[in-house]
Amino acid sequence: MDTIVTRKSKKNKYLLMAIPAFLLAGYFVFAAVTKKRSLTVDKNELSVKTVEKAFFEDFIVFQAKVEPLNAMLLNVIEGGSIQEIFVANGDMVTQGQPLARLYNPNTELSYVTQETSIIEQINNLSKAKLDLRNQELSMAKDLVAIDHDYQDAKNLYDLNEKLFKEEILSKNEWEKTKENFRFQKERKNIIQQSIQKEKQANLIQIGQISQSQTIMYKSLDILRKNKKNFLVTAPLTGRLTSFEPVLGKNYQAGESIGKIDVMKGYKLVAEVDEYYLPRVSANQKGQIDYKGETLDVTVSRVIPEIKSGRFLVELTFTSDKELHLQQGLSFGVRLILSEKAKTTVLPKGRFYEETAGKWVFVVNGDKAERREIKLGRENPVYYEVLGGLKEGDKVVTSNYADYKEIEILNLE
């Protein structure tokens, strides 16, 4: 009798062979994924600095230019074209000295018209005042005549009163005499009251006219002074700078044609990066080098307006020593932002351009490994280390542009 033999399945055999191959491939993939990316570099091409403990002083360095402590802009008061120039840029000028003359025919004609009008108004007011004076004089003459008539009537009244009592004068004549005396008396009283009221009214009018005349004379004086504004003069004594008027060129009223520097003291003016705006304030101290000597300066004013990413700082010299500086001369200012303090520091380098101070390559034997760090304040020499590094660590501080995706540098 035949025996049934069970045939072995090749499927199971292939499965058993595939599992080890699959596991081996998975291992290589895992190893490739988890392996740190490395790059071999010549260590002589790298800049390596050592983390150290040192006194860290928070300061910044910037360039500042010398300017006079005080200056005044030279503005055109009356617009016009330049007709004459009497001085040159850079000259020393004294207060009131003529610098340039402008001409504007339209304004000149307007001044003449206004001056004529004001003089005419002054003359009209003077005539009105004279008429009031003449009126008072005429009333005074009338009062003299009336007073004379009153005296005649009074004398006749006194005489006829005696004659009537002695029965020499008739009653009819006496009545006429009394009536005439009464009339002259009342007439005199009325005229006196009228003249008194006229005088009071005239006094008020004359006062008003005089007041108007005073205003007119002031206006005329101002107008005549304004006519002199075509002549540009020095408002104070000093050195004339930025003075470059051109003959025939037209300048508008209020336009600046130069500046006068008062040669009594100097200040430094600098443009500083907006990054430092919150950290720069008045009274902060700094230093400059001048002819081999260190001079102290102090921030006198911070102008917080930002233009093109920079703001203005003004500094003054703290020393009373007389300095003979040239305007426009440039100095490197070392402005101290905080006092010295000993801390862990890392010398500055170009690595910061790529990492923003968040990581660095730390040298360990013949390798440099990527490490997360934390930096704080900085000055032109050091970064303050807040974490990730310790004293003695050696850090690659050169440019990281080619290493942004690398985790280990193999040093040859």
Protein backbone atom coordinates (compact mmCIF):
# COMPACT_ATOMS: atom_id res chain seq x y z
CA MET A 1 0.00 0.00 0.00
CA ASP A 2 1.39 3.43 -0.98
CA THR A 3 2.15 6.07 1.71
CA ILE A 4 1.15 9.77 1.20
CA VAL A 5 4.15 12.09 1.70
CA THR A 6 3.44 15.76 2.65
CA ARG A 7 5.33 18.23 0.47
CA LYS A 8 7.22 21.00 2.34
CA SER A 9 6.07 24.60 1.53
CA LYS A 10 8.72 26.78 -0.09
CA LYS A 11 6.78 29.85 1.02
CA ASN A 12 7.77 29.38 4.67
CA LYS A 13 11.34 28.79 3.66
CA TYR A 14 11.52 32.10 1.76
CA LEU A 15 9.85 33.92 4.65
CA LEU A 16 12.43 32.65 7.09
CA MET A 17 15.19 33.85 4.80
CA ALA A 18 13.62 37.32 4.25
CA ILE A 19 13.24 38.20 7.93
CA PRO A 20 16.99 38.43 8.69
CA ALA A 21 17.58 40.39 5.47
CA PHE A 22 14.79 42.81 6.38
CA LEU A 23 16.13 43.28 9.89
CA LEU A 24 19.64 43.88 8.55
CA ALA A 25 18.39 46.50 6.08
CA GLY A 26 16.37 48.19 8.83
CA TYR A 27 19.47 48.37 10.98
CA PHE A 28 21.48 50.05 8.25
CA VAL A 29 18.65 52.56 7.61
CA PHE A 30 18.34 53.30 11.31
CA ALA A 31 22.09 53.72 11.64
CA ALA A 32 22.16 56.04 8.64
CA VAL A 33 19.32 58.16 10.02
CA THR A 34 20.62 58.38 13.56
CA LYS A 35 24.26 58.84 12.68
CA LYS A 36 25.51 62.34 13.33
CA ARG A 37 26.41 64.27 10.21
CA SER A 38 30.09 65.03 10.14
CA LEU A 39 32.58 66.87 7.98
CA THR A 40 36.36 66.68 7.82
CA VAL A 41 38.07 70.08 7.87
CA ASP A 42 41.60 71.42 8.12
CA LYS A 43 42.02 72.71 11.67
CA ASN A 44 44.44 75.36 10.40
CA GLU A 45 41.52 76.98 8.56
CA LEU A 46 39.54 77.39 11.77
CA SER A 47 39.81 80.01 14.45
CA VAL A 48 39.60 78.51 17.93
CA LYS A 49 39.21 80.61 21.09
CA THR A 50 39.13 79.57 24.75
CA VAL A 51 36.28 80.33 27.15
CA GLU A 52 37.72 82.12 30.16
CA LYS A 53 36.92 83.99 33.34
CA ALA A 54 37.56 87.70 32.84
CA PHE A 55 36.34 91.12 33.86
CA PHE A 56 33.44 91.91 31.54
CA GLU A 57 32.71 95.57 30.94
CA ASP A 58 29.60 96.37 28.97
CA PHE A 59 30.55 99.12 26.53
CA ILE A 60 30.09 100.11 22.92
CA VAL A 61 32.40 101.88 20.51
CA PHE A 62 31.24 104.31 17.85
CA GLN A 63 32.54 107.24 15.83
CA ALA A 64 31.58 110.80 16.76
CA LYS A 65 32.31 114.10 15.06
CA VAL A 66 33.32 117.40 16.68
CA GLU A 67 30.78 120.22 16.50
CA PRO A 68 30.66 123.59 18.28
CA LEU A 69 28.78 123.53 21.55
CA ASN A 70 26.42 126.25 20.31
CA ALA A 71 25.47 127.30 16.80
CA MET A 72 22.75 129.34 15.10
CA LEU A 73 21.19 128.83 11.70
CA LEU A 74 21.37 131.75 9.30
CA ASN A 75 17.90 132.10 7.76
CA VAL A 76 16.60 134.38 5.02
CA ILE A 77 13.92 136.63 6.54
CA GLU A 78 12.66 138.21 3.32
CA GLY A 79 12.73 136.02 0.24
CA GLY A 80 14.53 137.20 -2.86
CA SER A 81 17.48 136.64 -5.16
CA ILE A 82 21.09 137.06 -4.00
CA GLN A 83 22.38 140.42 -5.27
CA GLU A 84 25.64 140.77 -3.31
CA ILE A 85 27.84 138.49 -1.16
CA PHE A 86 30.20 140.18 1.30
CA VAL A 87 31.93 137.25 3.07
CA ALA A 88 33.10 133.69 2.36
CA ASN A 89 32.38 130.37 4.00
CA GLY A 90 34.69 129.76 6.98
CA ASP A 91 35.21 133.48 7.77
CA MET A 92 35.01 134.77 11.34
CA VAL A 93 32.16 137.30 11.53
CA THR A 94 30.97 139.73 14.20
CA GLN A 95 27.43 140.42 15.31
CA GLY A 96 25.64 142.76 12.89
CA GLN A 97 28.19 142.32 10.10
CA PRO A 98 26.61 142.29 6.59
CA LEU A 99 26.88 138.88 4.93
CA ALA A 100 24.73 139.11 1.80
CA ARG A 101 22.09 141.30 0.18
CA LEU A 102 18.92 140.06 -1.49
CA TYR A 103 16.54 141.84 -3.85
CA ASN A 104 12.84 141.30 -4.53
CA PRO A 105 11.17 144.02 -6.67
CA ASN A 106 7.62 142.88 -5.83
CA THR A 107 8.27 143.02 -2.08
CA GLU A 108 10.09 146.34 -2.47
CA LEU A 109 7.06 147.84 -4.29
CA SER A 110 4.74 146.40 -1.65
CA TYR A 111 6.80 148.07 1.10
CA VAL A 112 6.63 151.44 -0.68
CA THR A 113 2.85 151.10 -1.09
CA GLN A 114 2.36 150.15 2.55
CA GLU A 115 4.62 152.93 3.76
CA THR A 116 2.71 155.52 1.71
CA SER A 117 -0.61 154.22 3.03
CA ILE A 118 0.54 154.31 6.66
CA ILE A 119 1.95 157.87 6.31
CA GLU A 120 -1.34 158.98 4.74
CA GLN A 121 -3.31 157.49 7.64
CA ILE A 122 -1.00 159.18 10.14
CA ASN A 123 -1.54 162.53 8.38
CA ASN A 124 -5.33 162.03 8.39
CA LEU A 125 -5.28 161.30 12.11
CA SER A 126 -3.12 164.38 12.74
CA LYS A 127 -5.60 166.50 10.75
CA ALA A 128 -8.51 165.08 12.76
CA LYS A 129 -6.71 165.91 16.00
CA LEU A 130 -5.98 169.44 14.72
CA ASP A 131 -9.65 169.93 13.78
CA LEU A 132 -10.67 169.01 17.32
CA ARG A 133 -8.14 171.47 18.75
CA ASN A 134 -9.44 174.21 16.43
CA GLN A 135 -12.98 173.39 17.47
CA GLU A 136 -12.02 173.84 21.13
CA LEU A 137 -10.31 177.13 20.29
CA SER A 138 -13.39 178.38 18.42
CA MET A 139 -15.62 177.45 21.35
CA ALA A 140 -13.24 179.27 23.71
CA LYS A 141 -13.51 182.41 21.56
CA ASP A 142 -17.30 182.14 21.58
CA LEU A 143 -17.25 181.79 25.37
CA VAL A 144 -15.15 184.96 25.68
CA ALA A 145 -17.68 186.89 23.58
CA ILE A 146 -20.61 185.45 25.54
CA ASP A 147 -18.91 186.26 28.83
CA HIS A 148 -18.38 189.82 27.59
CA ASP A 149 -22.10 190.14 26.76
CA TYR A 150 -22.95 188.72 30.18
CA GLN A 151 -20.73 191.27 31.95
CA ASP A 152 -22.30 194.12 29.99
CA ALA A 153 -25.78 192.87 30.90
CA LYS A 154 -24.78 192.52 34.57
CA ASN A 155 -23.28 196.04 34.74
CA LEU A 156 -26.39 197.50 33.11
CA TYR A 157 -28.55 195.49 35.51
CA ASP A 158 -26.69 196.84 38.58
CA LEU A 159 -26.90 200.42 37.30
CA ASN A 160 -30.57 200.31 36.30
CA GLU A 161 -31.47 198.63 39.61
CA LYS A 162 -30.23 201.76 41.47
CA LEU A 163 -31.93 204.09 39.00
CA PHE A 164 -35.19 202.20 39.30
CA LYS A 165 -35.08 202.35 43.10
CA GLU A 166 -34.53 206.13 42.88
CA GLU A 167 -37.44 206.25 40.46
CA ILE A 168 -35.23 207.70 37.75
CA LEU A 169 -35.68 204.70 35.42
CA SER A 170 -39.07 203.64 34.15
CA LYS A 171 -40.50 200.28 35.02
CA ASN A 172 -40.61 199.26 31.37
CA GLU A 173 -36.88 199.89 30.93
CA TRP A 174 -36.15 198.05 34.16
CA GLU A 175 -38.08 195.00 32.96
CA LYS A 176 -36.13 194.99 29.71
CA THR A 177 -32.89 195.21 31.67
CA LYS A 178 -33.84 192.27 33.94
CA GLU A 179 -34.91 190.13 30.98
CA ASN A 180 -31.68 190.79 29.08
CA PHE A 181 -29.58 189.96 32.17
CA ARG A 182 -31.50 186.70 32.68
CA PHE A 183 -31.02 185.75 29.04
CA GLN A 184 -27.27 186.42 29.07
CA LYS A 185 -26.85 184.51 32.33
CA GLU A 186 -28.67 181.41 31.07
CA ARG A 187 -26.92 181.68 27.73
CA LYS A 188 -23.53 181.71 29.45
CA ASN A 189 -24.41 178.71 31.64
CA ILE A 190 -25.65 176.66 28.67
CA ILE A 191 -22.57 177.48 26.58
CA GLN A 192 -20.24 176.65 29.48
CA GLN A 193 -21.93 173.25 29.97
CA SER A 194 -21.82 172.58 26.23
CA ILE A 195 -18.14 173.49 26.03
CA GLN A 196 -17.36 171.27 29.02
CA LYS A 197 -19.08 168.29 27.39
CA GLU A 198 -17.37 169.00 24.07
CA LYS A 199 -14.01 169.13 25.84
CA GLN A 200 -14.63 165.78 27.49
CA ALA A 201 -15.69 164.20 24.19
CA ASN A 202 -12.75 165.76 22.38
CA LEU A 203 -10.37 164.54 25.07
CA ILE A 204 -11.57 160.96 24.51
CA GLN A 205 -11.33 161.32 20.74
CA ILE A 206 -7.87 162.87 20.91
CA GLY A 207 -6.73 160.00 23.17
CA GLN A 208 -8.07 157.44 20.69
CA ILE A 209 -6.44 159.29 17.80
CA SER A 210 -3.12 159.43 19.67
CA GLN A 211 -3.35 155.71 20.37
CA SER A 212 -4.03 154.97 16.70
CA GLN A 213 -1.12 157.19 15.73
CA THR A 214 1.19 155.31 18.11
CA ILE A 215 0.16 152.01 16.47
CA MET A 216 0.68 153.53 13.02
CA TYR A 217 4.14 154.79 13.95
CA LYS A 218 5.04 151.34 15.30
CA SER A 219 3.78 149.74 12.08
CA LEU A 220 5.83 152.20 10.06
CA ASP A 221 8.90 151.49 12.18
CA ILE A 222 8.45 147.71 11.75
CA LEU A 223 7.92 148.16 8.01
CA ARG A 224 11.10 150.19 7.68
CA LYS A 225 13.01 147.61 9.71
CA ASN A 226 11.63 144.85 7.50
CA LYS A 227 12.98 146.70 4.47
CA LYS A 228 16.41 146.20 6.02
CA ASN A 229 15.83 142.43 6.08
CA PHE A 230 17.01 142.25 2.49
CA LEU A 231 20.45 142.73 4.04
CA VAL A 232 21.41 139.46 5.76
CA THR A 233 23.57 140.20 8.82
CA ALA A 234 25.31 138.01 11.39
CA PRO A 235 23.03 137.48 14.43
CA LEU A 236 26.07 136.77 16.64
CA THR A 237 29.85 136.55 16.59
CA GLY A 238 31.42 133.28 15.43
CA ARG A 239 32.63 131.25 12.47
CA LEU A 240 30.50 131.15 9.32
CA THR A 241 29.93 127.59 8.09
CA SER A 242 27.78 125.92 5.41
CA PHE A 243 27.51 129.37 3.79
CA GLU A 244 27.24 128.80 0.04
CA PRO A 245 24.80 131.35 -1.47
CA VAL A 246 24.84 131.74 -5.26
CA LEU A 247 24.52 135.12 -6.97
CA GLY A 248 21.16 135.42 -8.67
CA LYS A 249 19.69 132.35 -6.95
CA ASN A 250 16.26 132.87 -5.42
CA TYR A 251 15.77 131.95 -1.75
CA GLN A 252 12.43 131.65 0.03
CA ALA A 253 11.69 133.38 3.33
CA GLY A 254 12.83 131.19 6.22
CA GLU A 255 15.26 129.19 4.08
CA SER A 256 18.67 128.56 5.65
CA ILE A 257 21.78 129.73 3.78
CA GLY A 258 24.36 128.92 6.42
CA LYS A 259 25.23 128.55 10.09
CA ILE A 260 27.27 130.51 12.61
CA ASP A 261 29.25 128.45 15.10
CA VAL A 262 30.00 130.01 18.46
CA MET A 263 33.64 129.15 19.04
CA LYS A 264 33.27 128.64 22.79
CA GLY A 265 33.41 124.95 23.61
CA TYR A 266 32.77 121.77 21.63
CA LYS A 267 30.53 118.74 21.68
CA LEU A 268 30.58 115.34 19.98
CA VAL A 269 27.69 114.14 17.81
CA ALA A 270 27.34 110.48 16.83
CA GLU A 271 24.93 108.17 15.04
CA VAL A 272 24.43 104.96 17.03
CA ASP A 273 22.74 101.72 15.95
CA GLU A 274 19.09 101.52 17.07
CA TYR A 275 19.87 98.24 18.92
CA TYR A 276 21.48 100.30 21.69
CA LEU A 277 18.68 102.86 22.08
CA PRO A 278 17.20 101.29 25.27
CA ARG A 279 20.69 101.11 26.83
CA VAL A 280 21.98 104.62 26.11
CA SER A 281 20.85 107.47 28.36
CA ALA A 282 21.95 110.90 29.54
CA ASN A 283 24.89 111.18 31.99
CA GLN A 284 26.52 107.92 30.89
CA LYS A 285 30.30 108.24 30.81
CA GLY A 286 32.71 107.51 28.01
CA GLN A 287 36.26 108.13 26.85
CA ILE A 288 38.16 109.23 23.74
CA ASP A 289 41.85 109.29 22.86
CA TYR A 290 43.25 112.71 21.94
CA LYS A 291 46.96 113.24 21.25
CA GLY A 292 47.95 110.27 23.39
CA GLU A 293 45.73 111.41 26.25
CA THR A 294 42.44 109.90 27.43
CA LEU A 295 39.65 112.44 27.76
CA ASP A 296 36.38 111.82 29.61
CA VAL A 297 33.07 112.60 27.94
CA THR A 298 29.47 112.40 29.11
CA VAL A 299 26.23 111.81 27.22
CA SER A 300 24.38 115.13 27.36
CA ARG A 301 21.44 114.32 25.13
CA VAL A 302 19.86 111.33 23.40
CA ILE A 303 17.63 112.03 20.41
CA PRO A 304 15.43 108.89 20.14
CA GLU A 305 14.17 109.57 16.61
CA ILE A 306 15.39 106.69 14.43
CA LYS A 307 16.49 107.39 10.87
CA SER A 308 17.92 104.64 8.65
CA GLY A 309 18.28 102.38 11.70
CA ARG A 310 20.30 104.88 13.75
CA PHE A 311 19.67 107.55 16.40
CA LEU A 312 21.67 110.62 17.47
CA VAL A 313 23.71 111.01 20.65
CA GLU A 314 25.38 114.22 21.85
CA LEU A 315 28.33 114.12 24.25
CA THR A 316 30.18 116.89 26.08
CA PHE A 317 33.70 117.04 27.49
CA THR A 318 33.82 116.82 31.29
CA SER A 319 37.28 118.39 31.59
CA ASP A 320 37.67 122.16 32.02
CA LYS A 321 40.86 122.00 30.00
CA GLU A 322 40.75 124.23 26.94
CA LEU A 323 40.78 122.16 23.76
CA HIS A 324 41.72 123.38 20.31
CA LEU A 325 39.68 121.08 18.11
CA GLN A 326 38.77 121.27 14.45
CA GLN A 327 35.12 121.04 13.49
CA GLY A 328 34.38 117.77 11.68
CA LEU A 329 37.25 115.93 13.39
CA SER A 330 36.26 112.33 14.16
CA PHE A 331 36.90 110.40 17.39
CA GLY A 332 36.25 106.82 18.46
CA VAL A 333 34.07 106.99 21.59
CA ARG A 334 34.11 104.16 24.13
CA LEU A 335 30.78 104.48 25.97
CA ILE A 336 30.50 102.50 29.21
CA LEU A 337 27.08 100.87 29.71
CA SER A 338 27.81 99.04 32.97
CA GLU A 339 30.57 98.59 35.56
CA LYS A 340 33.20 95.83 35.35
CA ALA A 341 32.23 92.40 36.71
CA LYS A 342 34.12 89.10 36.55
CA THR A 343 32.22 86.45 34.61
CA THR A 344 32.59 83.70 32.00
CA VAL A 345 33.24 85.16 28.57
CA LEU A 346 33.72 83.97 25.00
CA PRO A 347 35.84 86.01 22.56
CA LYS A 348 33.80 87.39 19.68
CA GLY A 349 33.90 85.76 16.23
CA ARG A 350 32.04 85.37 12.96
CA PHE A 351 30.18 82.26 14.16
CA TYR A 352 27.50 84.58 15.56
CA GLU A 353 26.42 85.55 12.03
CA GLU A 354 25.03 82.06 11.41
CA THR A 355 24.05 80.87 14.89
CA ALA A 356 22.85 84.10 16.57
CA GLY A 357 24.69 82.80 19.64
CA LYS A 358 22.42 79.76 20.09
CA TRP A 359 25.03 77.03 19.36
CA VAL A 360 28.74 76.57 18.69
CA PHE A 361 31.29 73.87 17.87
CA VAL A 362 33.26 72.88 20.97
CA VAL A 363 36.65 71.23 20.34
CA ASN A 364 37.18 67.85 21.96
CA GLY A 365 40.45 66.21 20.85
CA ASP A 366 40.44 65.80 17.09
CA LYS A 367 36.73 66.61 16.82
CA ALA A 368 34.54 69.63 17.31
CA GLU A 369 31.00 68.83 18.42
CA ARG A 370 27.93 71.01 18.08
CA ARG A 371 26.58 72.28 21.41
CA GLU A 372 23.61 74.44 22.43
CA ILE A 373 24.65 77.54 24.41
CA LYS A 374 23.18 80.74 25.80
CA LEU A 375 24.89 84.13 25.50
CA GLY A 376 24.04 87.39 27.27
CA ARG A 377 25.51 90.86 26.90
CA GLU A 378 28.29 91.71 24.50
CA ASN A 379 30.96 94.31 23.96
CA PRO A 380 33.38 94.74 21.06
CA VAL A 381 35.67 92.04 22.55
CA TYR A 382 33.55 89.43 24.37
CA TYR A 383 30.20 87.73 24.66
CA GLU A 384 28.94 87.04 28.17
CA VAL A 385 28.31 83.29 28.62
CA LEU A 386 25.10 82.42 30.48
CA GLY A 387 24.98 78.66 29.82
CA GLY A 388 26.32 75.71 27.78
CA LEU A 389 30.01 76.56 28.17
CA LYS A 390 32.50 76.52 31.02
CA GLU A 391 35.92 77.98 31.60
CA GLY A 392 38.57 76.25 29.50
CA ASP A 393 36.26 75.08 26.70
CA LYS A 394 37.73 75.66 23.26
CA VAL A 395 35.24 77.03 20.75
CA VAL A 396 35.46 77.37 16.98
CA THR A 397 34.75 81.08 16.44
CA SER A 398 35.32 81.36 12.69
CA ASN A 399 32.53 81.48 10.10
CA TYR A 400 29.93 78.66 10.18
CA ALA A 401 28.43 79.30 6.72
CA ASP A 402 29.47 75.81 5.48
CA TYR A 403 28.63 73.98 8.71
CA LYS A 404 25.00 74.90 9.41
CA GLU A 405 23.76 71.32 8.87
CA ILE A 406 26.87 69.62 10.35
CA GLU A 407 27.00 68.23 13.90
CA ILE A 408 30.63 67.04 14.13
CA LEU A 409 33.75 68.51 12.58
CA ASN A 410 36.63 66.08 12.14
CA LEU A 411 39.83 68.05 12.56
CA GLU A 412 42.91 67.13 10.56
